[in-house]
N, C-alpha and C. Protein backbone atom coordinates (compact mmCIF):
# COMPACT_ATOMS: atom_id res chain seq x y z
N UNK A 1 101.70 53.87 57.69
CA UNK A 1 100.70 54.68 58.35
C UNK A 1 100.69 54.47 59.86
N UNK A 2 100.93 53.28 60.31
CA UNK A 2 100.97 53.02 61.74
C UNK A 2 102.14 53.73 62.40
N UNK A 3 103.24 53.91 61.65
CA UNK A 3 104.38 54.64 62.18
C UNK A 3 104.02 56.11 62.44
N UNK A 4 103.29 56.71 61.52
CA UNK A 4 102.87 58.10 61.67
C UNK A 4 101.93 58.26 62.86
N UNK A 5 101.04 57.31 63.04
CA UNK A 5 100.10 57.38 64.15
C UNK A 5 100.82 57.29 65.49
N UNK A 6 101.80 56.46 65.62
CA UNK A 6 102.51 56.31 66.88
C UNK A 6 103.33 57.56 67.21
N UNK A 7 103.85 58.24 66.21
CA UNK A 7 104.59 59.47 66.46
C UNK A 7 103.64 60.55 66.97
N UNK A 8 102.44 60.65 66.39
CA UNK A 8 101.50 61.66 66.86
C UNK A 8 101.02 61.35 68.28
N UNK A 9 100.95 60.08 68.67
CA UNK A 9 100.60 59.74 70.06
C UNK A 9 101.68 60.20 71.01
N UNK A 10 102.93 60.01 70.64
CA UNK A 10 104.04 60.42 71.50
C UNK A 10 104.07 61.94 71.62
N UNK A 11 103.88 62.64 70.52
CA UNK A 11 103.86 64.11 70.54
C UNK A 11 102.71 64.61 71.42
N UNK A 12 101.56 63.98 71.35
CA UNK A 12 100.41 64.38 72.16
C UNK A 12 100.69 64.20 73.65
N UNK A 13 101.32 63.08 74.01
CA UNK A 13 101.66 62.83 75.42
C UNK A 13 102.67 63.87 75.91
N UNK A 14 103.69 64.15 75.10
CA UNK A 14 104.70 65.14 75.48
C UNK A 14 104.06 66.52 75.64
N UNK A 15 103.16 66.88 74.76
CA UNK A 15 102.49 68.19 74.87
C UNK A 15 101.64 68.26 76.13
N UNK A 16 100.93 67.18 76.48
CA UNK A 16 100.13 67.17 77.70
C UNK A 16 101.01 67.33 78.94
N UNK A 17 102.16 66.65 78.96
CA UNK A 17 103.08 66.77 80.09
C UNK A 17 103.60 68.20 80.20
N UNK A 18 103.97 68.82 79.09
CA UNK A 18 104.47 70.20 79.10
C UNK A 18 103.39 71.16 79.58
N UNK A 19 102.16 70.99 79.13
CA UNK A 19 101.05 71.86 79.56
C UNK A 19 100.80 71.70 81.06
N UNK A 20 100.85 70.46 81.56
CA UNK A 20 100.62 70.22 83.00
C UNK A 20 101.72 70.86 83.84
N UNK A 21 102.97 70.75 83.40
CA UNK A 21 104.08 71.36 84.15
C UNK A 21 103.97 72.88 84.11
N UNK A 22 103.63 73.45 82.99
CA UNK A 22 103.48 74.90 82.89
C UNK A 22 102.33 75.40 83.78
N UNK A 23 101.22 74.68 83.79
CA UNK A 23 100.09 75.06 84.64
C UNK A 23 100.47 74.99 86.11
N UNK A 24 101.19 73.94 86.50
CA UNK A 24 101.63 73.81 87.89
C UNK A 24 102.57 74.95 88.27
N UNK A 25 103.47 75.34 87.37
CA UNK A 25 104.39 76.44 87.66
C UNK A 25 103.65 77.76 87.82
N UNK A 26 102.67 78.01 86.97
CA UNK A 26 101.89 79.24 87.06
C UNK A 26 101.10 79.28 88.36
N UNK A 27 100.47 78.19 88.73
CA UNK A 27 99.69 78.14 89.98
C UNK A 27 100.60 78.33 91.18
N UNK A 28 101.79 77.68 91.18
CA UNK A 28 102.73 77.83 92.28
C UNK A 28 103.18 79.29 92.41
N UNK A 29 103.52 79.91 91.30
CA UNK A 29 103.98 81.30 91.33
C UNK A 29 102.88 82.23 91.83
N UNK A 30 101.66 81.99 91.40
CA UNK A 30 100.54 82.84 91.84
C UNK A 30 100.29 82.67 93.33
N UNK A 31 100.25 81.42 93.81
CA UNK A 31 99.98 81.18 95.23
C UNK A 31 101.11 81.69 96.11
N UNK A 32 102.35 81.49 95.72
CA UNK A 32 103.46 81.97 96.55
C UNK A 32 103.48 83.49 96.60
N UNK A 33 103.15 84.16 95.52
CA UNK A 33 103.07 85.62 95.53
C UNK A 33 101.90 86.12 96.35
N UNK A 34 100.77 85.44 96.27
CA UNK A 34 99.58 85.83 97.01
C UNK A 34 99.80 85.64 98.50
N UNK A 35 100.34 84.49 98.91
CA UNK A 35 100.57 84.25 100.33
C UNK A 35 101.65 85.16 100.87
N UNK A 36 102.66 85.46 100.08
CA UNK A 36 103.69 86.40 100.50
C UNK A 36 103.12 87.78 100.73
N UNK A 37 102.19 88.21 99.87
CA UNK A 37 101.54 89.51 100.02
C UNK A 37 100.70 89.58 101.27
N UNK A 38 100.03 88.49 101.59
CA UNK A 38 99.20 88.46 102.81
C UNK A 38 100.09 88.56 104.04
N UNK A 39 101.18 87.83 104.06
CA UNK A 39 102.08 87.86 105.20
C UNK A 39 102.67 89.24 105.41
N UNK A 40 103.12 89.88 104.36
CA UNK A 40 103.78 91.18 104.53
C UNK A 40 102.78 92.27 104.89
N UNK A 41 101.56 92.22 104.35
CA UNK A 41 100.60 93.29 104.66
C UNK A 41 100.00 93.12 106.04
N UNK A 42 99.80 91.89 106.51
CA UNK A 42 99.18 91.71 107.82
C UNK A 42 100.15 92.06 108.94
N UNK A 43 101.45 91.95 108.71
CA UNK A 43 102.39 92.26 109.76
C UNK A 43 102.49 93.78 109.99
N UNK A 44 102.15 94.58 108.99
CA UNK A 44 102.29 96.02 109.13
C UNK A 44 101.00 96.70 109.61
N UNK A 45 99.91 95.96 109.73
CA UNK A 45 98.63 96.53 110.12
C UNK A 45 98.41 96.30 111.62
N UNK A 46 98.08 97.36 112.35
CA UNK A 46 97.76 97.25 113.76
C UNK A 46 96.24 97.32 113.91
N UNK A 47 95.69 96.36 114.60
CA UNK A 47 94.24 96.27 114.74
C UNK A 47 93.71 97.33 115.70
N UNK A 48 92.57 97.87 115.37
CA UNK A 48 91.88 98.81 116.26
C UNK A 48 91.28 98.02 117.41
N UNK A 49 91.48 98.51 118.63
CA UNK A 49 90.98 97.81 119.81
C UNK A 49 90.10 98.74 120.64
N UNK A 50 89.36 99.59 119.99
CA UNK A 50 88.48 100.53 120.66
C UNK A 50 87.43 99.79 121.46
N UNK A 51 87.22 100.19 122.71
CA UNK A 51 86.23 99.55 123.57
C UNK A 51 85.09 100.51 123.88
N UNK A 52 83.86 100.00 123.83
CA UNK A 52 82.70 100.76 124.28
C UNK A 52 82.46 100.33 125.72
N UNK A 53 82.72 101.23 126.67
CA UNK A 53 82.57 100.85 128.08
C UNK A 53 81.13 100.97 128.56
N UNK A 54 80.36 101.89 127.97
CA UNK A 54 78.95 102.00 128.34
C UNK A 54 78.21 102.78 127.25
N UNK A 55 76.90 102.60 127.25
CA UNK A 55 76.06 103.33 126.29
C UNK A 55 74.68 103.50 126.91
N UNK A 56 74.05 104.60 126.55
CA UNK A 56 72.69 104.83 127.04
C UNK A 56 71.93 105.67 126.03
N UNK A 57 70.63 105.51 126.07
CA UNK A 57 69.73 106.31 125.24
C UNK A 57 68.83 107.06 126.19
N UNK A 58 68.64 108.34 125.95
CA UNK A 58 67.73 109.12 126.81
C UNK A 58 66.90 110.07 125.95
N UNK A 59 65.78 110.45 126.50
CA UNK A 59 64.86 111.36 125.81
C UNK A 59 64.63 112.57 126.70
N UNK A 60 64.61 113.75 126.08
CA UNK A 60 64.23 114.96 126.80
C UNK A 60 63.31 115.78 125.90
N UNK A 61 63.08 117.02 126.26
CA UNK A 61 62.12 117.83 125.51
C UNK A 61 62.60 118.15 124.08
N UNK A 62 63.89 118.04 123.82
CA UNK A 62 64.40 118.37 122.49
C UNK A 62 64.57 117.15 121.58
N UNK A 63 64.45 115.94 122.13
CA UNK A 63 64.55 114.76 121.29
C UNK A 63 65.14 113.56 122.01
N UNK A 64 65.54 112.57 121.22
CA UNK A 64 66.15 111.34 121.74
C UNK A 64 67.63 111.37 121.41
N UNK A 65 68.47 111.01 122.38
CA UNK A 65 69.92 111.07 122.24
C UNK A 65 70.55 109.74 122.63
N UNK A 66 71.73 109.48 122.07
CA UNK A 66 72.52 108.32 122.44
C UNK A 66 73.87 108.82 122.94
N UNK A 67 74.32 108.24 124.06
CA UNK A 67 75.61 108.58 124.65
C UNK A 67 76.44 107.31 124.73
N UNK A 68 77.67 107.37 124.25
CA UNK A 68 78.59 106.23 124.36
C UNK A 68 79.88 106.69 125.01
N UNK A 69 80.43 105.82 125.86
CA UNK A 69 81.74 106.05 126.48
C UNK A 69 82.73 105.10 125.82
N UNK A 70 83.81 105.66 125.29
CA UNK A 70 84.80 104.88 124.54
C UNK A 70 86.17 104.98 125.19
N UNK A 71 86.95 103.90 125.04
CA UNK A 71 88.35 103.90 125.48
C UNK A 71 89.17 103.32 124.34
N UNK A 72 90.20 104.06 123.94
CA UNK A 72 91.14 103.58 122.94
C UNK A 72 92.45 103.29 123.66
N UNK A 73 92.78 101.99 123.86
CA UNK A 73 93.94 101.63 124.67
C UNK A 73 95.28 102.04 124.04
N UNK A 74 96.36 102.00 124.82
CA UNK A 74 97.68 102.44 124.33
C UNK A 74 98.19 101.68 123.11
N UNK A 75 97.87 100.40 122.97
CA UNK A 75 98.41 99.61 121.87
C UNK A 75 97.52 99.62 120.63
N UNK A 76 96.55 100.51 120.60
CA UNK A 76 95.62 100.61 119.47
C UNK A 76 95.88 101.90 118.71
N UNK A 77 95.78 101.88 117.38
CA UNK A 77 96.01 103.12 116.62
C UNK A 77 94.88 104.13 116.83
N UNK A 78 95.14 105.41 116.56
CA UNK A 78 94.05 106.39 116.64
C UNK A 78 92.96 106.02 115.63
N UNK A 79 91.73 106.31 115.98
CA UNK A 79 90.62 106.00 115.09
C UNK A 79 89.58 107.10 115.20
N UNK A 80 88.52 106.99 114.43
CA UNK A 80 87.44 107.98 114.46
C UNK A 80 86.10 107.27 114.40
N UNK A 81 85.13 107.81 115.14
CA UNK A 81 83.78 107.26 115.14
C UNK A 81 83.02 107.86 113.97
N UNK A 82 82.43 106.97 113.15
CA UNK A 82 81.71 107.42 111.97
C UNK A 82 80.20 107.31 112.14
N UNK A 83 79.73 106.33 112.90
CA UNK A 83 78.29 106.07 112.99
C UNK A 83 77.98 105.29 114.25
N UNK A 84 76.84 105.57 114.85
CA UNK A 84 76.34 104.80 115.99
C UNK A 84 74.95 104.30 115.61
N UNK A 85 74.74 103.00 115.75
CA UNK A 85 73.46 102.38 115.40
C UNK A 85 72.85 101.77 116.66
N UNK A 86 71.56 101.98 116.85
CA UNK A 86 70.82 101.40 117.98
C UNK A 86 69.83 100.40 117.39
N UNK A 87 69.87 99.16 117.90
CA UNK A 87 68.98 98.13 117.38
C UNK A 87 68.45 97.24 118.49
N UNK A 88 67.33 96.59 118.20
CA UNK A 88 66.79 95.59 119.10
C UNK A 88 67.62 94.32 118.99
N UNK A 89 67.42 93.39 119.90
CA UNK A 89 68.21 92.16 119.87
C UNK A 89 67.88 91.26 118.69
N UNK A 90 66.76 91.46 118.03
CA UNK A 90 66.44 90.66 116.85
C UNK A 90 67.05 91.25 115.59
N UNK A 91 67.83 92.33 115.73
CA UNK A 91 68.50 92.94 114.59
C UNK A 91 67.75 94.10 113.96
N UNK A 92 66.55 94.40 114.46
CA UNK A 92 65.77 95.51 113.92
C UNK A 92 66.41 96.83 114.33
N UNK A 93 66.74 97.65 113.35
CA UNK A 93 67.37 98.94 113.64
C UNK A 93 66.31 99.91 114.15
N UNK A 94 66.58 100.50 115.31
CA UNK A 94 65.69 101.49 115.89
C UNK A 94 66.04 102.87 115.36
N UNK A 95 67.34 103.15 115.30
CA UNK A 95 67.77 104.46 114.85
C UNK A 95 69.29 104.51 114.71
N UNK A 96 69.77 105.67 114.29
CA UNK A 96 71.20 105.86 114.12
C UNK A 96 71.57 107.29 114.48
N UNK A 97 72.85 107.46 114.77
CA UNK A 97 73.39 108.79 115.06
C UNK A 97 74.69 108.92 114.30
N UNK A 98 74.74 109.89 113.41
CA UNK A 98 75.95 110.11 112.63
C UNK A 98 76.44 111.53 112.81
N UNK A 99 77.68 111.69 113.24
CA UNK A 99 78.21 113.05 113.39
C UNK A 99 78.39 113.73 112.04
N UNK A 100 78.49 115.06 112.03
CA UNK A 100 78.71 115.82 110.80
C UNK A 100 80.02 115.39 110.14
N UNK A 101 81.03 115.15 110.95
CA UNK A 101 82.31 114.63 110.47
C UNK A 101 82.78 113.61 111.51
N UNK A 102 83.62 112.64 111.11
CA UNK A 102 84.06 111.62 112.07
C UNK A 102 84.67 112.23 113.33
N UNK A 103 84.37 111.60 114.45
CA UNK A 103 84.86 112.09 115.75
C UNK A 103 86.13 111.32 116.10
N UNK A 104 87.30 112.00 116.19
CA UNK A 104 88.55 111.29 116.48
C UNK A 104 88.62 110.79 117.92
N UNK A 105 89.21 109.60 118.07
CA UNK A 105 89.48 109.03 119.39
C UNK A 105 90.97 108.66 119.38
N UNK A 106 91.84 109.53 119.95
CA UNK A 106 93.28 109.27 119.90
C UNK A 106 93.68 108.04 120.71
N UNK A 107 94.87 107.54 120.45
CA UNK A 107 95.42 106.42 121.22
C UNK A 107 95.55 106.83 122.68
N UNK A 108 95.36 105.88 123.58
CA UNK A 108 95.48 106.10 125.03
C UNK A 108 94.54 107.18 125.54
N UNK A 109 93.30 107.16 125.06
CA UNK A 109 92.37 108.18 125.52
C UNK A 109 90.98 107.59 125.74
N UNK A 110 90.18 108.33 126.48
CA UNK A 110 88.78 107.99 126.69
C UNK A 110 87.95 109.16 126.19
N UNK A 111 86.78 108.85 125.66
CA UNK A 111 85.93 109.90 125.12
C UNK A 111 84.47 109.53 125.36
N UNK A 112 83.66 110.54 125.67
CA UNK A 112 82.21 110.37 125.80
C UNK A 112 81.58 111.17 124.67
N UNK A 113 80.72 110.49 123.90
CA UNK A 113 80.09 111.12 122.74
C UNK A 113 78.58 111.08 122.94
N UNK A 114 77.92 112.22 122.79
CA UNK A 114 76.46 112.30 122.83
C UNK A 114 75.99 112.91 121.52
N UNK A 115 75.10 112.16 120.85
CA UNK A 115 74.58 112.61 119.55
C UNK A 115 73.07 112.43 119.50
N UNK A 116 72.37 113.28 118.73
CA UNK A 116 70.93 113.08 118.56
C UNK A 116 70.68 111.79 117.77
N UNK A 117 69.69 111.03 118.21
CA UNK A 117 69.35 109.76 117.58
C UNK A 117 68.23 109.99 116.57
N UNK A 118 68.48 109.62 115.32
CA UNK A 118 67.45 109.68 114.29
C UNK A 118 66.74 108.33 114.31
N UNK A 119 65.47 108.34 114.67
CA UNK A 119 64.74 107.07 114.80
C UNK A 119 63.80 106.88 113.62
N UNK A 120 63.40 105.63 113.45
CA UNK A 120 62.41 105.31 112.42
C UNK A 120 61.10 106.00 112.78
N UNK A 121 60.30 106.27 111.78
CA UNK A 121 59.03 106.98 112.01
C UNK A 121 58.15 106.22 112.99
N UNK A 122 57.69 106.91 113.98
CA UNK A 122 56.74 106.38 114.96
C UNK A 122 57.22 105.08 115.60
N UNK A 123 58.44 105.10 116.13
CA UNK A 123 58.97 103.93 116.83
C UNK A 123 58.24 103.81 118.16
N UNK A 124 57.70 102.64 118.41
CA UNK A 124 57.01 102.39 119.67
C UNK A 124 57.67 101.19 120.35
N UNK A 125 58.57 101.49 121.29
CA UNK A 125 59.31 100.45 121.99
C UNK A 125 59.04 100.62 123.48
N UNK A 126 58.65 99.54 124.15
CA UNK A 126 58.39 99.65 125.58
C UNK A 126 59.63 100.10 126.35
N UNK A 127 59.42 100.94 127.34
CA UNK A 127 60.52 101.41 128.16
C UNK A 127 61.19 100.23 128.86
N UNK A 128 62.52 100.25 128.91
CA UNK A 128 63.27 99.17 129.55
C UNK A 128 63.59 98.00 128.64
N UNK A 129 63.18 98.06 127.37
CA UNK A 129 63.48 96.97 126.44
C UNK A 129 64.99 96.89 126.21
N UNK A 130 65.53 95.67 126.16
CA UNK A 130 66.98 95.55 125.91
C UNK A 130 67.32 95.94 124.46
N UNK A 131 68.41 96.68 124.31
CA UNK A 131 68.86 97.13 122.99
C UNK A 131 70.37 96.92 122.88
N UNK A 132 70.87 97.03 121.66
CA UNK A 132 72.30 97.02 121.40
C UNK A 132 72.68 98.37 120.79
N UNK A 133 73.76 98.95 121.28
CA UNK A 133 74.30 100.18 120.72
C UNK A 133 75.63 99.79 120.07
N UNK A 134 75.72 99.99 118.75
CA UNK A 134 76.89 99.57 117.98
C UNK A 134 77.60 100.81 117.43
N UNK A 135 78.89 100.90 117.68
CA UNK A 135 79.72 102.02 117.24
C UNK A 135 80.56 101.55 116.06
N UNK A 136 80.51 102.28 114.94
CA UNK A 136 81.30 101.98 113.75
C UNK A 136 82.38 103.03 113.58
N UNK A 137 83.60 102.58 113.27
CA UNK A 137 84.70 103.51 113.05
C UNK A 137 84.92 103.72 111.56
N UNK A 138 85.71 104.72 111.22
CA UNK A 138 86.01 104.99 109.81
C UNK A 138 86.85 103.89 109.19
N UNK A 139 87.52 103.08 110.00
CA UNK A 139 88.33 101.98 109.46
C UNK A 139 87.52 100.71 109.25
N UNK A 140 86.21 100.76 109.55
CA UNK A 140 85.35 99.60 109.34
C UNK A 140 85.20 98.72 110.56
N UNK A 141 85.91 99.02 111.63
CA UNK A 141 85.81 98.26 112.87
C UNK A 141 84.51 98.65 113.58
N UNK A 142 83.85 97.69 114.20
CA UNK A 142 82.65 98.01 114.97
C UNK A 142 82.61 97.18 116.23
N UNK A 143 81.97 97.74 117.25
CA UNK A 143 81.83 97.07 118.54
C UNK A 143 80.52 97.51 119.15
N UNK A 144 79.94 96.67 119.97
CA UNK A 144 78.64 97.00 120.55
C UNK A 144 78.61 96.75 122.05
N UNK A 145 77.57 97.26 122.64
CA UNK A 145 77.34 97.10 124.07
C UNK A 145 75.84 97.05 124.32
N UNK A 146 75.45 96.37 125.36
CA UNK A 146 74.03 96.26 125.71
C UNK A 146 73.59 97.48 126.50
N UNK A 147 72.33 97.82 126.34
CA UNK A 147 71.73 98.91 127.07
C UNK A 147 70.22 98.68 127.13
N UNK A 148 69.48 99.65 127.61
CA UNK A 148 68.01 99.54 127.64
C UNK A 148 67.40 100.80 127.03
N UNK A 149 66.23 100.61 126.45
CA UNK A 149 65.51 101.73 125.86
C UNK A 149 64.89 102.56 126.99
N UNK A 150 64.92 103.89 126.86
CA UNK A 150 64.40 104.75 127.95
C UNK A 150 62.89 104.62 128.13
């Protein structure tokens, strides 16, 4: 009986070693494939470098508007503006401006966009308060600039 027990101990150790080697091989194959995919996909993607050079909010008899000046440099791919958000410095959203369809900004170009600002109901912000105007693109890139409330 002791002979049988010792054989089962040896078989158990061999099985544990085989399972550990198989698990290590699977993990290595998964990680090498994953890291290879990251390397190949990141090399083919060009980052958007759209700059917001200035922004302002103004009010007239027809409503409140936001104007942004954008520059898309030569080494940046063409992009489109999807949304403009105006917020206070504490992160409170004052309003947003969304075009009917995304506004294209080609490579090596500058564009000035003026859109009506949809504000929260009964927004009461003192004139001259510092605000942030954030521009979101259709590719998910966003950038902001400081301005003041009218």
